[in-house]
Amino acid sequence: MAIPGIRCREKILPLGSKVLIMGILNVTPDSFSDGGKFLDPSMAVDQAQKMIADGADIIDIGGESTRPGASYVDAVDEINRIGPIVEALGKYTYLPLSIDTRKASVAQVALDYGASIVNDVSALQDDSRMAHVIQKSGAVVVLMHRQGQSSSMQKAPHYHDVVYEVKTFLAERIALARYSGISPDRIIIDPGIGFGKTFTHNLKILANLDNFLELDQPLMVGLSRKAFIGELTGKPLAEREIGNAAAIATAVWQGAQILRVHDVAAMKDAIQVAQALRNSYDK
């Protein structure tokens, strides 16, 4: 049975005809796309306000880069990066705030400041306390597939059947989250495009996203400015907007319910066109 809405503590995000937009706010020096741009809390808050004005439904704040080859960030440093921004935005906006972290201590600080979603790229694997923190708070968890660790995941990713294996992994993590007391309306899944996948793996997942709808959990996809778009188009990071929009439209057509993006205003147009077509399609 499909989940009609996401219960972000006291906030409800309805699912259905409207595809939700998660705006990315990295407060890191080394993220692959916008590293170093928003380290100053006032600039980070301004960027979040712009994304909200452009149509974001969720703001996702990250203090540790999880790009391929990224180094581990100490929890104290991560908290120092995200704490002031989450606190300030919690007072500014009614929209759900998401914390992009693998660490329970960082998640707890963000939740104390008003965040209501924990976007865990390890799907509750890297910190044994994370499931309890999320369950106790009433927050939503994003369970993402990742093969290996950030430092080495792109060295030699290998699958026999990438769609089947990613789907099986996500089913297992959903079961663990539910066993930990996290209700189905507080679980989002993400196949983790670009996280321990080759160019071919990424295309295969994107072309078969509808397979993941069989897990009966809201499906989030992060495609924004990913390397495989650059490989397809031959364009550098700053010039991938059109290719990015095409990939996002494909994800919406395949059934994605949440898109994680950097360029909210531009991608909103692509999402609106694709969702209108999807809503009008008579299967």
C-alpha atoms as a PDB file:
ATOM      1  CA  MET A   1       0.000   0.000   0.000  1.00  0.00           C
ATOM      2  CA  ALA A   2       1.448   3.384  -1.025  1.00  0.00           C
ATOM      3  CA  ILE A   3       2.159   5.925   1.717  1.00  0.00           C
ATOM      4  CA  PRO A   4      -0.180   8.957   1.298  1.00  0.00           C
ATOM      5  CA  GLY A   5       2.104  11.348   3.144  1.00  0.00           C
ATOM      6  CA  ILE A   6       5.360  11.779   5.033  1.00  0.00           C
ATOM      7  CA  ARG A   7       5.022  12.448   8.778  1.00  0.00           C
ATOM      8  CA  CYS A   8       7.840  14.868   9.644  1.00  0.00           C
ATOM      9  CA  ARG A   9       7.155  15.111  13.376  1.00  0.00           C
ATOM     10  CA  GLU A  10       4.336  17.676  13.611  1.00  0.00           C
ATOM     11  CA  LYS A  11       4.470  18.452   9.854  1.00  0.00           C
ATOM     12  CA  ILE A  12       2.777  16.346   7.179  1.00  0.00           C
ATOM     13  CA  LEU A  13       4.042  16.371   3.591  1.00  0.00           C
ATOM     14  CA  PRO A  14       1.314  14.956   1.331  1.00  0.00           C
ATOM     15  CA  LEU A  15       2.328  12.676  -1.516  1.00  0.00           C
ATOM     16  CA  GLY A  16       0.374  12.250  -4.699  1.00  0.00           C
ATOM     17  CA  SER A  17       0.183  14.413  -7.784  1.00  0.00           C
ATOM     18  CA  LYS A  18       2.823  16.902  -6.548  1.00  0.00           C
ATOM     19  CA  VAL A  19       6.470  15.887  -6.690  1.00  0.00           C
ATOM     20  CA  LEU A  20       8.386  17.322  -3.736  1.00  0.00           C
ATOM     21  CA  ILE A  21      11.633  19.259  -4.116  1.00  0.00           C
ATOM     22  CA  MET A  22      14.434  18.896  -1.586  1.00  0.00           C
ATOM     23  CA  GLY A  23      16.863  21.805  -1.885  1.00  0.00           C
ATOM     24  CA  ILE A  24      20.512  20.986  -1.151  1.00  0.00           C
ATOM     25  CA  LEU A  25      22.439  23.236   1.242  1.00  0.00           C
ATOM     26  CA  ASN A  26      26.007  22.012   1.760  1.00  0.00           C
ATOM     27  CA  VAL A  27      27.936  23.833   4.479  1.00  0.00           C
ATOM     28  CA  THR A  28      31.164  22.021   3.681  1.00  0.00           C
ATOM     29  CA  PRO A  29      34.512  23.084   2.213  1.00  0.00           C
ATOM     30  CA  ASP A  30      34.753  20.081  -0.128  1.00  0.00           C
ATOM     31  CA  SER A  31      31.367  19.046  -1.546  1.00  0.00           C
ATOM     32  CA  PHE A  32      31.726  18.201  -5.239  1.00  0.00           C
ATOM     33  CA  SER A  33      29.355  20.917  -6.464  1.00  0.00           C
ATOM     34  CA  ASP A  34      29.047  23.803  -4.015  1.00  0.00           C
ATOM     35  CA  GLY A  35      31.814  23.150  -1.494  1.00  0.00           C
ATOM     36  CA  GLY A  36      32.953  26.292   0.307  1.00  0.00           C
ATOM     37  CA  LYS A  37      30.165  28.556  -0.952  1.00  0.00           C
ATOM     38  CA  PHE A  38      27.997  28.561   2.148  1.00  0.00           C
ATOM     39  CA  LEU A  39      30.363  28.102   5.075  1.00  0.00           C
ATOM     40  CA  ASP A  40      29.333  31.482   6.480  1.00  0.00           C
ATOM     41  CA  PRO A  41      26.043  30.954   8.373  1.00  0.00           C
ATOM     42  CA  SER A  42      24.485  34.168   7.043  1.00  0.00           C
ATOM     43  CA  MET A  43      25.223  33.141   3.441  1.00  0.00           C
ATOM     44  CA  ALA A  44      23.849  29.662   4.110  1.00  0.00           C
ATOM     45  CA  VAL A  45      20.622  31.085   5.523  1.00  0.00           C
ATOM     46  CA  ASP A  46      20.314  33.440   2.538  1.00  0.00           C
ATOM     47  CA  GLN A  47      20.730  30.506   0.156  1.00  0.00           C
ATOM     48  CA  ALA A  48      18.087  28.504   2.017  1.00  0.00           C
ATOM     49  CA  GLN A  49      15.694  31.451   1.882  1.00  0.00           C
ATOM     50  CA  LYS A  50      16.273  31.716  -1.872  1.00  0.00           C
ATOM     51  CA  MET A  51      15.536  28.017  -2.370  1.00  0.00           C
ATOM     52  CA  ILE A  52      12.357  28.341  -0.326  1.00  0.00           C
ATOM     53  CA  ALA A  53      11.253  31.322  -2.417  1.00  0.00           C
ATOM     54  CA  ASP A  54      12.046  29.321  -5.577  1.00  0.00           C
ATOM     55  CA  GLY A  55       9.738  26.503  -4.505  1.00  0.00           C
ATOM     56  CA  ALA A  56      11.634  24.035  -2.321  1.00  0.00           C
ATOM     57  CA  ASP A  57       9.461  21.836  -0.099  1.00  0.00           C
ATOM     58  CA  ILE A  58      12.360  20.623   2.099  1.00  0.00           C
ATOM     59  CA  ILE A  59      15.819  22.028   2.849  1.00  0.00           C
ATOM     60  CA  ASP A  60      18.566  19.411   3.269  1.00  0.00           C
ATOM     61  CA  ILE A  61      21.568  20.669   5.271  1.00  0.00           C
ATOM     62  CA  GLY A  62      24.872  18.790   5.185  1.00  0.00           C
ATOM     63  CA  GLY A  63      28.069  19.368   7.126  1.00  0.00           C
ATOM     64  CA  GLU A  64      30.104  16.437   5.762  1.00  0.00           C
ATOM     65  CA  SER A  65      30.746  15.757   2.108  1.00  0.00           C
ATOM     66  CA  THR A  66      29.867  12.216   1.038  1.00  0.00           C
ATOM     67  CA  ARG A  67      31.192  12.604  -2.514  1.00  0.00           C
ATOM     68  CA  PRO A  68      33.543   9.900  -3.838  1.00  0.00           C
ATOM     69  CA  GLY A  69      36.922  10.241  -2.149  1.00  0.00           C
ATOM     70  CA  ALA A  70      35.667  12.496   0.643  1.00  0.00           C
ATOM     71  CA  SER A  71      37.433  12.390   4.003  1.00  0.00           C
ATOM     72  CA  TYR A  72      35.755  11.660   7.334  1.00  0.00           C
ATOM     73  CA  VAL A  73      34.633  14.712   9.346  1.00  0.00           C
ATOM     74  CA  ASP A  74      34.670  14.648  13.134  1.00  0.00           C
ATOM     75  CA  ALA A  75      31.218  14.939  14.731  1.00  0.00           C
ATOM     76  CA  VAL A  76      32.186  18.088  16.650  1.00  0.00           C
ATOM     77  CA  ASP A  77      33.277  19.833  13.457  1.00  0.00           C
ATOM     78  CA  GLU A  78      30.119  18.708  11.689  1.00  0.00           C
ATOM     79  CA  ILE A  79      27.949  20.017  14.529  1.00  0.00           C
ATOM     80  CA  ASN A  80      29.778  23.351  14.474  1.00  0.00           C
ATOM     81  CA  ARG A  81      29.004  23.651  10.771  1.00  0.00           C
ATOM     82  CA  ILE A  82      25.340  22.716  10.786  1.00  0.00           C
ATOM     83  CA  GLY A  83      24.185  23.851  14.230  1.00  0.00           C
ATOM     84  CA  PRO A  84      23.890  27.619  13.649  1.00  0.00           C
ATOM     85  CA  ILE A  85      22.192  27.131  10.267  1.00  0.00           C
ATOM     86  CA  VAL A  86      19.607  24.609  11.453  1.00  0.00           C
ATOM     87  CA  GLU A  87      18.877  26.780  14.490  1.00  0.00           C
ATOM     88  CA  ALA A  88      18.426  29.918  12.380  1.00  0.00           C
ATOM     89  CA  LEU A  89      16.292  28.218   9.727  1.00  0.00           C
ATOM     90  CA  GLY A  90      14.167  26.521  12.362  1.00  0.00           C
ATOM     91  CA  LYS A  91      13.089  29.996  13.466  1.00  0.00           C
ATOM     92  CA  TYR A  92      12.643  31.283   9.904  1.00  0.00           C
ATOM     93  CA  THR A  93      10.655  28.646   8.039  1.00  0.00           C
ATOM     94  CA  TYR A  94       7.789  26.245   8.621  1.00  0.00           C
ATOM     95  CA  LEU A  95       9.138  23.885   5.940  1.00  0.00           C
ATOM     96  CA  PRO A  96      10.659  20.584   7.076  1.00  0.00           C
ATOM     97  CA  LEU A  97      14.414  20.734   7.572  1.00  0.00           C
ATOM     98  CA  SER A  98      16.528  17.692   6.795  1.00  0.00           C
ATOM     99  CA  ILE A  99      19.972  16.921   8.184  1.00  0.00           C
ATOM    100  CA  ASP A 100      22.286  15.016   5.843  1.00  0.00           C
ATOM    101  CA  THR A 101      24.417  13.006   8.271  1.00  0.00           C
ATOM    102  CA  ARG A 102      25.560   9.499   9.187  1.00  0.00           C
ATOM    103  CA  LYS A 103      26.196  10.342  12.835  1.00  0.00           C
ATOM    104  CA  ALA A 104      23.598  10.041  15.596  1.00  0.00           C
ATOM    105  CA  SER A 105      25.147  12.860  17.662  1.00  0.00           C
ATOM    106  CA  VAL A 106      24.920  15.273  14.725  1.00  0.00           C
ATOM    107  CA  ALA A 107      21.374  14.178  13.968  1.00  0.00           C
ATOM    108  CA  GLN A 108      20.389  14.719  17.603  1.00  0.00           C
ATOM    109  CA  VAL A 109      21.654  18.314  17.605  1.00  0.00           C
ATOM    110  CA  ALA A 110      19.820  19.091  14.362  1.00  0.00           C
ATOM    111  CA  LEU A 111      16.620  17.476  15.661  1.00  0.00           C
ATOM    112  CA  ASP A 112      16.898  19.490  18.876  1.00  0.00           C
ATOM    113  CA  TYR A 113      17.055  22.643  16.750  1.00  0.00           C
ATOM    114  CA  GLY A 114      13.918  21.654  14.843  1.00  0.00           C
ATOM    115  CA  ALA A 115      14.961  19.397  11.959  1.00  0.00           C
ATOM    116  CA  SER A 116      12.448  16.669  11.175  1.00  0.00           C
ATOM    117  CA  ILE A 117      14.234  14.486   8.590  1.00  0.00           C
ATOM    118  CA  VAL A 118      17.519  12.571   8.841  1.00  0.00           C
ATOM    119  CA  ASN A 119      19.037  11.862   5.433  1.00  0.00           C
ATOM    120  CA  ASP A 120      21.420   8.983   6.194  1.00  0.00           C
ATOM    121  CA  VAL A 121      23.554   7.904   3.228  1.00  0.00           C
ATOM    122  CA  SER A 122      24.525   4.777   5.173  1.00  0.00           C
ATOM    123  CA  ALA A 123      20.912   3.671   5.692  1.00  0.00           C
ATOM    124  CA  LEU A 124      21.454   3.283   9.479  1.00  0.00           C
ATOM    125  CA  GLN A 125      24.653   1.250   9.035  1.00  0.00           C
ATOM    126  CA  ASP A 126      27.411   3.631  10.132  1.00  0.00           C
ATOM    127  CA  ASP A 127      26.105   4.516  13.614  1.00  0.00           C
ATOM    128  CA  SER A 128      24.274   1.918  15.698  1.00  0.00           C
ATOM    129  CA  ARG A 129      22.538   4.672  17.694  1.00  0.00           C
ATOM    130  CA  MET A 130      20.964   6.385  14.691  1.00  0.00           C
ATOM    131  CA  ALA A 131      17.783   4.297  14.512  1.00  0.00           C
ATOM    132  CA  HIS A 132      17.028   4.980  18.189  1.00  0.00           C
ATOM    133  CA  VAL A 133      17.594   8.729  17.807  1.00  0.00           C
ATOM    134  CA  ILE A 134      15.225   8.861  14.845  1.00  0.00           C
ATOM    135  CA  GLN A 135      12.589   6.635  16.453  1.00  0.00           C
ATOM    136  CA  LYS A 136      12.616   8.603  19.701  1.00  0.00           C
ATOM    137  CA  SER A 137      12.331  11.980  17.955  1.00  0.00           C
ATOM    138  CA  GLY A 138       9.512  11.066  15.589  1.00  0.00           C
ATOM    139  CA  ALA A 139      11.632  12.182  12.636  1.00  0.00           C
ATOM    140  CA  VAL A 140      11.680  10.785   9.109  1.00  0.00           C
ATOM    141  CA  VAL A 141      14.643   8.747   7.878  1.00  0.00           C
ATOM    142  CA  VAL A 142      15.965   8.613   4.320  1.00  0.00           C
ATOM    143  CA  LEU A 143      17.529   5.204   3.676  1.00  0.00           C
ATOM    144  CA  MET A 144      20.028   5.421   0.824  1.00  0.00           C
ATOM    145  CA  HIS A 145      21.948   2.645  -0.907  1.00  0.00           C
ATOM    146  CA  ARG A 146      25.714   2.994  -0.975  1.00  0.00           C
ATOM    147  CA  GLN A 147      28.250   0.337  -1.928  1.00  0.00           C
ATOM    148  CA  GLY A 148      31.368   0.769   0.217  1.00  0.00           C
ATOM    149  CA  GLN A 149      32.540   3.918   1.973  1.00  0.00           C
ATOM    150  CA  SER A 150      32.865   7.411   0.481  1.00  0.00           C
ATOM    151  CA  SER A 151      36.660   7.162   0.414  1.00  0.00           C
ATOM    152  CA  SER A 152      36.675   4.090  -1.824  1.00  0.00           C
ATOM    153  CA  MET A 153      33.183   3.477  -3.226  1.00  0.00           C
ATOM    154  CA  GLN A 154      34.017   4.505  -6.814  1.00  0.00           C
ATOM    155  CA  LYS A 155      37.216   2.460  -7.137  1.00  0.00           C
ATOM    156  CA  ALA A 156      35.636  -0.742  -8.454  1.00  0.00           C
ATOM    157  CA  PRO A 157      31.844  -0.927  -7.932  1.00  0.00           C
ATOM    158  CA  HIS A 158      30.475  -4.289  -8.998  1.00  0.00           C
ATOM    159  CA  TYR A 159      27.006  -5.868  -9.213  1.00  0.00           C
ATOM    160  CA  HIS A 160      25.520  -8.911 -10.915  1.00  0.00           C
ATOM    161  CA  ASP A 161      22.143  -7.151 -11.192  1.00  0.00           C
ATOM    162  CA  VAL A 162      22.311  -3.600  -9.871  1.00  0.00           C
ATOM    163  CA  VAL A 163      18.561  -2.920  -9.763  1.00  0.00           C
ATOM    164  CA  TYR A 164      17.767  -6.193  -7.982  1.00  0.00           C
ATOM    165  CA  GLU A 165      20.644  -5.827  -5.496  1.00  0.00           C
ATOM    166  CA  VAL A 166      19.866  -2.202  -4.625  1.00  0.00           C
ATOM    167  CA  LYS A 167      16.176  -3.038  -4.248  1.00  0.00           C
ATOM    168  CA  THR A 168      16.961  -6.015  -2.000  1.00  0.00           C
ATOM    169  CA  PHE A 169      19.244  -3.885   0.160  1.00  0.00           C
ATOM    170  CA  LEU A 170      16.584  -1.192   0.561  1.00  0.00           C
ATOM    171  CA  ALA A 171      13.960  -3.799   1.476  1.00  0.00           C
ATOM    172  CA  GLU A 172      16.268  -5.082   4.229  1.00  0.00           C
ATOM    173  CA  ARG A 173      16.899  -1.569   5.570  1.00  0.00           C
ATOM    174  CA  ILE A 174      13.172  -0.778   5.548  1.00  0.00           C
ATOM    175  CA  ALA A 175      12.602  -3.930   7.612  1.00  0.00           C
ATOM    176  CA  LEU A 176      15.300  -2.899  10.073  1.00  0.00           C
ATOM    177  CA  ALA A 177      13.903   0.636  10.394  1.00  0.00           C
ATOM    178  CA  ARG A 178      10.416  -0.705  11.053  1.00  0.00           C
ATOM    179  CA  TYR A 179      11.780  -3.226  13.560  1.00  0.00           C
ATOM    180  CA  SER A 180      13.432  -0.265  15.312  1.00  0.00           C
ATOM    181  CA  GLY A 181      10.049   1.406  15.708  1.00  0.00           C
ATOM    182  CA  ILE A 182      10.138   3.811  12.780  1.00  0.00           C
ATOM    183  CA  SER A 183       6.698   3.752  11.163  1.00  0.00           C
ATOM    184  CA  PRO A 184       6.256   3.374   7.369  1.00  0.00           C
ATOM    185  CA  ASP A 185       5.056   6.979   6.998  1.00  0.00           C
ATOM    186  CA  ARG A 186       8.469   8.074   8.332  1.00  0.00           C
ATOM    187  CA  ILE A 187      10.640   6.111   5.874  1.00  0.00           C
ATOM    188  CA  ILE A 188      11.914   7.384   2.502  1.00  0.00           C
ATOM    189  CA  ILE A 189      14.136   5.342   0.183  1.00  0.00           C
ATOM    190  CA  ASP A 190      16.883   6.506  -2.197  1.00  0.00           C
ATOM    191  CA  PRO A 191      18.707   4.170  -4.629  1.00  0.00           C
ATOM    192  CA  GLY A 192      21.875   6.249  -4.260  1.00  0.00           C
ATOM    193  CA  ILE A 193      22.761   7.166  -7.820  1.00  0.00           C
ATOM    194  CA  GLY A 194      26.484   7.911  -7.931  1.00  0.00           C
ATOM    195  CA  PHE A 195      27.262   6.163  -4.640  1.00  0.00           C
ATOM    196  CA  GLY A 196      29.300   3.095  -5.485  1.00  0.00           C
ATOM    197  CA  LYS A 197      27.966   2.815  -9.040  1.00  0.00           C
ATOM    198  CA  THR A 198      29.512   3.041 -12.485  1.00  0.00           C
ATOM    199  CA  PHE A 199      28.124   5.094 -15.364  1.00  0.00           C
ATOM    200  CA  THR A 200      26.236   2.018 -16.606  1.00  0.00           C
ATOM    201  CA  HIS A 201      24.869   1.208 -13.141  1.00  0.00           C
ATOM    202  CA  ASN A 202      23.504   4.747 -12.780  1.00  0.00           C
ATOM    203  CA  LEU A 203      21.738   4.605 -16.138  1.00  0.00           C
ATOM    204  CA  LYS A 204      20.268   1.185 -15.340  1.00  0.00           C
ATOM    205  CA  ILE A 205      18.859   2.438 -12.027  1.00  0.00           C
ATOM    206  CA  LEU A 206      17.442   5.612 -13.575  1.00  0.00           C
ATOM    207  CA  ALA A 207      15.780   3.664 -16.386  1.00  0.00           C
ATOM    208  CA  ASN A 208      14.199   1.229 -13.904  1.00  0.00           C
ATOM    209  CA  LEU A 209      13.181   3.462 -10.995  1.00  0.00           C
ATOM    210  CA  ASP A 210       9.636   2.119 -11.153  1.00  0.00           C
ATOM    211  CA  ASN A 211      10.974  -1.159  -9.711  1.00  0.00           C
ATOM    212  CA  PHE A 212      11.607   0.596  -6.402  1.00  0.00           C
ATOM    213  CA  LEU A 213       7.970   1.698  -6.138  1.00  0.00           C
ATOM    214  CA  GLU A 214       7.181  -1.944  -5.357  1.00  0.00           C
ATOM    215  CA  LEU A 215       8.730  -1.361  -1.913  1.00  0.00           C
ATOM    216  CA  ASP A 216       5.729   0.864  -1.065  1.00  0.00           C
ATOM    217  CA  GLN A 217       7.823   3.674   0.400  1.00  0.00           C
ATOM    218  CA  PRO A 218       8.244   7.230  -0.897  1.00  0.00           C
ATOM    219  CA  LEU A 219      11.046   7.282  -3.467  1.00  0.00           C
ATOM    220  CA  MET A 220      13.641  10.053  -3.424  1.00  0.00           C
ATOM    221  CA  VAL A 221      16.265  10.452  -6.140  1.00  0.00           C
ATOM    222  CA  GLY A 222      19.395  12.611  -6.115  1.00  0.00           C
ATOM    223  CA  LEU A 223      20.648  13.342  -9.615  1.00  0.00           C
ATOM    224  CA  SER A 224      21.750  16.920  -9.291  1.00  0.00           C
ATOM    225  CA  ARG A 225      24.970  17.697 -11.197  1.00  0.00           C
ATOM    226  CA  LYS A 226      26.113  14.068 -10.941  1.00  0.00           C
ATOM    227  CA  ALA A 227      29.208  12.896 -12.820  1.00  0.00           C
ATOM    228  CA  PHE A 228      27.291  10.535 -15.120  1.00  0.00           C
ATOM    229  CA  ILE A 229      25.452  13.550 -16.581  1.00  0.00           C
ATOM    230  CA  GLY A 230      28.830  15.094 -17.344  1.00  0.00           C
ATOM    231  CA  GLU A 231      29.948  11.828 -18.959  1.00  0.00           C
ATOM    232  CA  LEU A 232      26.853  11.801 -21.172  1.00  0.00           C
ATOM    233  CA  THR A 233      26.976  15.440 -22.213  1.00  0.00           C
ATOM    234  CA  GLY A 234      30.689  16.171 -22.032  1.00  0.00           C
ATOM    235  CA  LYS A 235      29.829  19.261 -19.981  1.00  0.00           C
ATOM    236  CA  PRO A 236      31.675  20.513 -16.888  1.00  0.00           C
ATOM    237  CA  LEU A 237      29.896  20.840 -13.557  1.00  0.00           C
ATOM    238  CA  ALA A 238      28.680  24.390 -14.151  1.00  0.00           C
ATOM    239  CA  GLU A 239      27.091  23.531 -17.511  1.00  0.00           C
ATOM    240  CA  ARG A 240      25.036  20.437 -16.680  1.00  0.00           C
ATOM    241  CA  GLU A 241      21.696  22.158 -16.085  1.00  0.00           C
ATOM    242  CA  ILE A 242      19.973  20.966 -19.277  1.00  0.00           C
ATOM    243  CA  GLY A 243      21.227  17.394 -18.935  1.00  0.00           C
ATOM    244  CA  ASN A 244      20.274  17.511 -15.291  1.00  0.00           C
ATOM    245  CA  ALA A 245      16.742  18.617 -16.161  1.00  0.00           C
ATOM    246  CA  ALA A 246      16.385  15.738 -18.635  1.00  0.00           C
ATOM    247  CA  ALA A 247      17.483  13.203 -16.017  1.00  0.00           C
ATOM    248  CA  ILE A 248      15.133  14.693 -13.428  1.00  0.00           C
ATOM    249  CA  ALA A 249      12.195  14.624 -15.852  1.00  0.00           C
ATOM    250  CA  THR A 250      12.951  10.950 -16.493  1.00  0.00           C
ATOM    251  CA  ALA A 251      12.991  10.253 -12.748  1.00  0.00           C
ATOM    252  CA  VAL A 252       9.621  11.943 -12.301  1.00  0.00           C
ATOM    253  CA  TRP A 253       8.146   9.985 -15.207  1.00  0.00           C
ATOM    254  CA  GLN A 254       9.441   6.762 -13.619  1.00  0.00           C
ATOM    255  CA  GLY A 255       7.613   7.576 -10.367  1.00  0.00           C
ATOM    256  CA  ALA A 256      10.063   9.477  -8.142  1.00  0.00           C
ATOM    257  CA  GLN A 257       8.175  11.439  -5.478  1.00  0.00           C
ATOM    258  CA  ILE A 258      11.017  13.565  -4.091  1.00  0.00           C
ATOM    259  CA  LEU A 259      13.890  15.094  -6.077  1.00  0.00           C
ATOM    260  CA  ARG A 260      17.015  16.320  -4.322  1.00  0.00           C
ATOM    261  CA  VAL A 261      18.418  19.268  -6.302  1.00  0.00           C
ATOM    262  CA  HIS A 262      20.796  22.246  -6.138  1.00  0.00           C
ATOM    263  CA  ASP A 263      19.061  24.522  -8.683  1.00  0.00           C
ATOM    264  CA  VAL A 264      15.533  24.658  -7.304  1.00  0.00           C
ATOM    265  CA  ALA A 265      14.069  27.277  -9.664  1.00  0.00           C
ATOM    266  CA  ALA A 266      15.362  25.675 -12.873  1.00  0.00           C
ATOM    267  CA  MET A 267      14.589  22.101 -11.867  1.00  0.00           C
ATOM    268  CA  LYS A 268      11.111  23.030 -10.653  1.00  0.00           C
ATOM    269  CA  ASP A 269      10.131  23.762 -14.258  1.00  0.00           C
ATOM    270  CA  ALA A 270      11.353  20.351 -15.436  1.00  0.00           C
ATOM    271  CA  ILE A 271       9.592  18.641 -12.526  1.00  0.00           C
ATOM    272  CA  GLN A 272       6.289  20.437 -13.166  1.00  0.00           C
ATOM    273  CA  VAL A 273       6.229  19.482 -16.856  1.00  0.00           C
ATOM    274  CA  ALA A 274       7.129  15.848 -16.161  1.00  0.00           C
ATOM    275  CA  GLN A 275       4.637  15.481 -13.316  1.00  0.00           C
ATOM    276  CA  ALA A 276       1.831  16.994 -15.428  1.00  0.00           C
ATOM    277  CA  LEU A 277       2.535  14.381 -18.108  1.00  0.00           C
ATOM    278  CA  ARG A 278       2.729  11.614 -15.505  1.00  0.00           C
ATOM    279  CA  ASN A 279      -0.551  12.695 -13.908  1.00  0.00           C
ATOM    280  CA  SER A 280      -2.260  12.737 -17.310  1.00  0.00           C
ATOM    281  CA  TYR A 281      -0.933   9.379 -18.507  1.00  0.00           C
ATOM    282  CA  ASP A 282      -3.686   6.795 -18.880  1.00  0.00           C
ATOM    283  CA  LYS A 283      -2.072   3.436 -18.220  1.00  0.00           C
END
